[in-house]
Amino acid sequence: MAAPFGGSPTLAECIACLEELGCKITELSGDLVSEDGVFRVRYALNPANGKFVVLSDHADNDRLTPWVIGNIERRLKLITGFPSI
């Protein structure tokens, strides 16, 4: 999914940032197959508070919208520094 937001990170960049912030990224076996394609199913866990978010609807090179970044930040209770809503 392309997004018209120039400063938005890709999913891979977001995952790297989450790891730097101390989150643990786990990839589940199998793939999510949808009409938009086949996606890896991963989740990010913030060990500081036990909060997690599923990362499954985007390919690694997809740019994430500020809304998606905001959702990840709210779910994990942290700030990535990327544009978010």
C-alpha atoms as a PDB file:
ATOM      1  CA  MET A   1       0.000   0.000   0.000  1.00  0.00           C
ATOM      2  CA  ALA A   2       1.520   3.272  -1.039  1.00  0.00           C
ATOM      3  CA  ALA A   3       1.007   6.309   1.137  1.00  0.00           C
ATOM      4  CA  PRO A   4       1.324   9.963   0.121  1.00  0.00           C
ATOM      5  CA  PHE A   5       3.348  10.839   3.213  1.00  0.00           C
ATOM      6  CA  GLY A   6       6.976  11.641   2.355  1.00  0.00           C
ATOM      7  CA  GLY A   7       8.407  11.301   5.867  1.00  0.00           C
ATOM      8  CA  SER A   8       6.671   8.059   6.731  1.00  0.00           C
ATOM      9  CA  PRO A   9       8.854   5.022   7.414  1.00  0.00           C
ATOM     10  CA  THR A  10       8.587   1.630   5.803  1.00  0.00           C
ATOM     11  CA  LEU A  11       7.486  -1.286   7.952  1.00  0.00           C
ATOM     12  CA  ALA A  12      11.105  -2.523   8.002  1.00  0.00           C
ATOM     13  CA  GLU A  13      12.295   0.893   9.281  1.00  0.00           C
ATOM     14  CA  CYS A  14       9.553   0.921  11.908  1.00  0.00           C
ATOM     15  CA  ILE A  15      10.492  -2.581  13.096  1.00  0.00           C
ATOM     16  CA  ALA A  16      14.162  -1.543  13.363  1.00  0.00           C
ATOM     17  CA  CYS A  17      13.106   1.480  15.441  1.00  0.00           C
ATOM     18  CA  LEU A  18      10.934  -0.673  17.719  1.00  0.00           C
ATOM     19  CA  GLU A  19      13.869  -3.031  18.289  1.00  0.00           C
ATOM     20  CA  GLU A  20      16.093  -0.055  19.180  1.00  0.00           C
ATOM     21  CA  LEU A  21      13.447   1.017  21.697  1.00  0.00           C
ATOM     22  CA  GLY A  22      13.655  -2.410  23.349  1.00  0.00           C
ATOM     23  CA  CYS A  23      10.690  -4.178  21.765  1.00  0.00           C
ATOM     24  CA  LYS A  24      10.921  -7.855  20.880  1.00  0.00           C
ATOM     25  CA  ILE A  25       9.728  -8.745  17.364  1.00  0.00           C
ATOM     26  CA  THR A  26       8.429 -12.279  16.876  1.00  0.00           C
ATOM     27  CA  GLU A  27       7.562 -13.800  13.512  1.00  0.00           C
ATOM     28  CA  LEU A  28       4.887 -16.475  13.570  1.00  0.00           C
ATOM     29  CA  SER A  29       5.093 -19.513  11.317  1.00  0.00           C
ATOM     30  CA  GLY A  30       2.956 -19.298   8.213  1.00  0.00           C
ATOM     31  CA  ASP A  31       1.766 -16.336   6.200  1.00  0.00           C
ATOM     32  CA  LEU A  32      -1.373 -14.217   6.065  1.00  0.00           C
ATOM     33  CA  VAL A  33      -2.943 -14.598   2.630  1.00  0.00           C
ATOM     34  CA  SER A  34      -5.350 -11.871   1.564  1.00  0.00           C
ATOM     35  CA  GLU A  35      -6.645 -10.322  -1.634  1.00  0.00           C
ATOM     36  CA  ASP A  36      -3.814  -7.752  -1.303  1.00  0.00           C
ATOM     37  CA  GLY A  37      -1.098 -10.407  -1.246  1.00  0.00           C
ATOM     38  CA  VAL A  38       0.785 -12.638   1.135  1.00  0.00           C
ATOM     39  CA  PHE A  39       2.199 -11.079   4.298  1.00  0.00           C
ATOM     40  CA  ARG A  40       4.430 -12.314   7.080  1.00  0.00           C
ATOM     41  CA  VAL A  41       2.726 -12.317  10.471  1.00  0.00           C
ATOM     42  CA  ARG A  42       4.748 -10.654  13.225  1.00  0.00           C
ATOM     43  CA  TYR A  43       4.056  -9.022  16.522  1.00  0.00           C
ATOM     44  CA  ALA A  44       5.964  -6.502  18.569  1.00  0.00           C
ATOM     45  CA  LEU A  45       6.074  -6.870  22.351  1.00  0.00           C
ATOM     46  CA  ASN A  46       7.130  -4.069  24.679  1.00  0.00           C
ATOM     47  CA  PRO A  47       8.673  -6.036  27.581  1.00  0.00           C
ATOM     48  CA  ALA A  48       8.634  -2.932  29.802  1.00  0.00           C
ATOM     49  CA  ASN A  49       4.841  -3.054  30.094  1.00  0.00           C
ATOM     50  CA  GLY A  50       3.702  -6.294  28.415  1.00  0.00           C
ATOM     51  CA  LYS A  51       1.839  -4.444  25.632  1.00  0.00           C
ATOM     52  CA  PHE A  52       1.898  -5.851  22.096  1.00  0.00           C
ATOM     53  CA  VAL A  53       0.700  -5.107  18.568  1.00  0.00           C
ATOM     54  CA  VAL A  54       0.297  -7.405  15.551  1.00  0.00           C
ATOM     55  CA  LEU A  55       2.184  -6.338  12.412  1.00  0.00           C
ATOM     56  CA  SER A  56       0.583  -8.297   9.579  1.00  0.00           C
ATOM     57  CA  ASP A  57      -1.109  -6.069   6.999  1.00  0.00           C
ATOM     58  CA  HIS A  58       1.977  -4.554   5.371  1.00  0.00           C
ATOM     59  CA  ALA A  59       4.984  -5.735   3.387  1.00  0.00           C
ATOM     60  CA  ASP A  60       8.433  -4.708   4.639  1.00  0.00           C
ATOM     61  CA  ASN A  61       8.810  -2.026   1.965  1.00  0.00           C
ATOM     62  CA  ASP A  62       5.309  -0.523   2.452  1.00  0.00           C
ATOM     63  CA  ARG A  63       5.276   3.031   3.796  1.00  0.00           C
ATOM     64  CA  LEU A  64       3.196   3.311   6.951  1.00  0.00           C
ATOM     65  CA  THR A  65       0.703   6.142   7.290  1.00  0.00           C
ATOM     66  CA  PRO A  66       0.816   8.414  10.338  1.00  0.00           C
ATOM     67  CA  TRP A  67      -2.399   6.725  11.518  1.00  0.00           C
ATOM     68  CA  VAL A  68      -0.737   3.275  11.504  1.00  0.00           C
ATOM     69  CA  ILE A  69       2.319   4.645  13.342  1.00  0.00           C
ATOM     70  CA  GLY A  70       0.026   6.292  15.901  1.00  0.00           C
ATOM     71  CA  ASN A  71      -1.799   3.004  16.441  1.00  0.00           C
ATOM     72  CA  ILE A  72       1.492   1.154  16.998  1.00  0.00           C
ATOM     73  CA  GLU A  73       2.648   3.824  19.464  1.00  0.00           C
ATOM     74  CA  ARG A  74      -0.643   3.766  21.389  1.00  0.00           C
ATOM     75  CA  ARG A  75      -0.723  -0.029  21.559  1.00  0.00           C
ATOM     76  CA  LEU A  76       2.902  -0.302  22.762  1.00  0.00           C
ATOM     77  CA  LYS A  77       2.771   2.839  24.941  1.00  0.00           C
ATOM     78  CA  LEU A  78       5.909   4.359  23.409  1.00  0.00           C
ATOM     79  CA  ILE A  79       6.985   7.105  21.003  1.00  0.00           C
ATOM     80  CA  THR A  80       8.858   6.187  17.814  1.00  0.00           C
ATOM     81  CA  GLY A  81       9.595   9.722  16.639  1.00  0.00           C
ATOM     82  CA  PHE A  82       7.969   9.072  13.242  1.00  0.00           C
ATOM     83  CA  PRO A  83       5.029  11.249  12.117  1.00  0.00           C
ATOM     84  CA  SER A  84       1.903   9.912  13.797  1.00  0.00           C
ATOM     85  CA  ILE A  85      -1.717  10.778  14.445  1.00  0.00           C
END
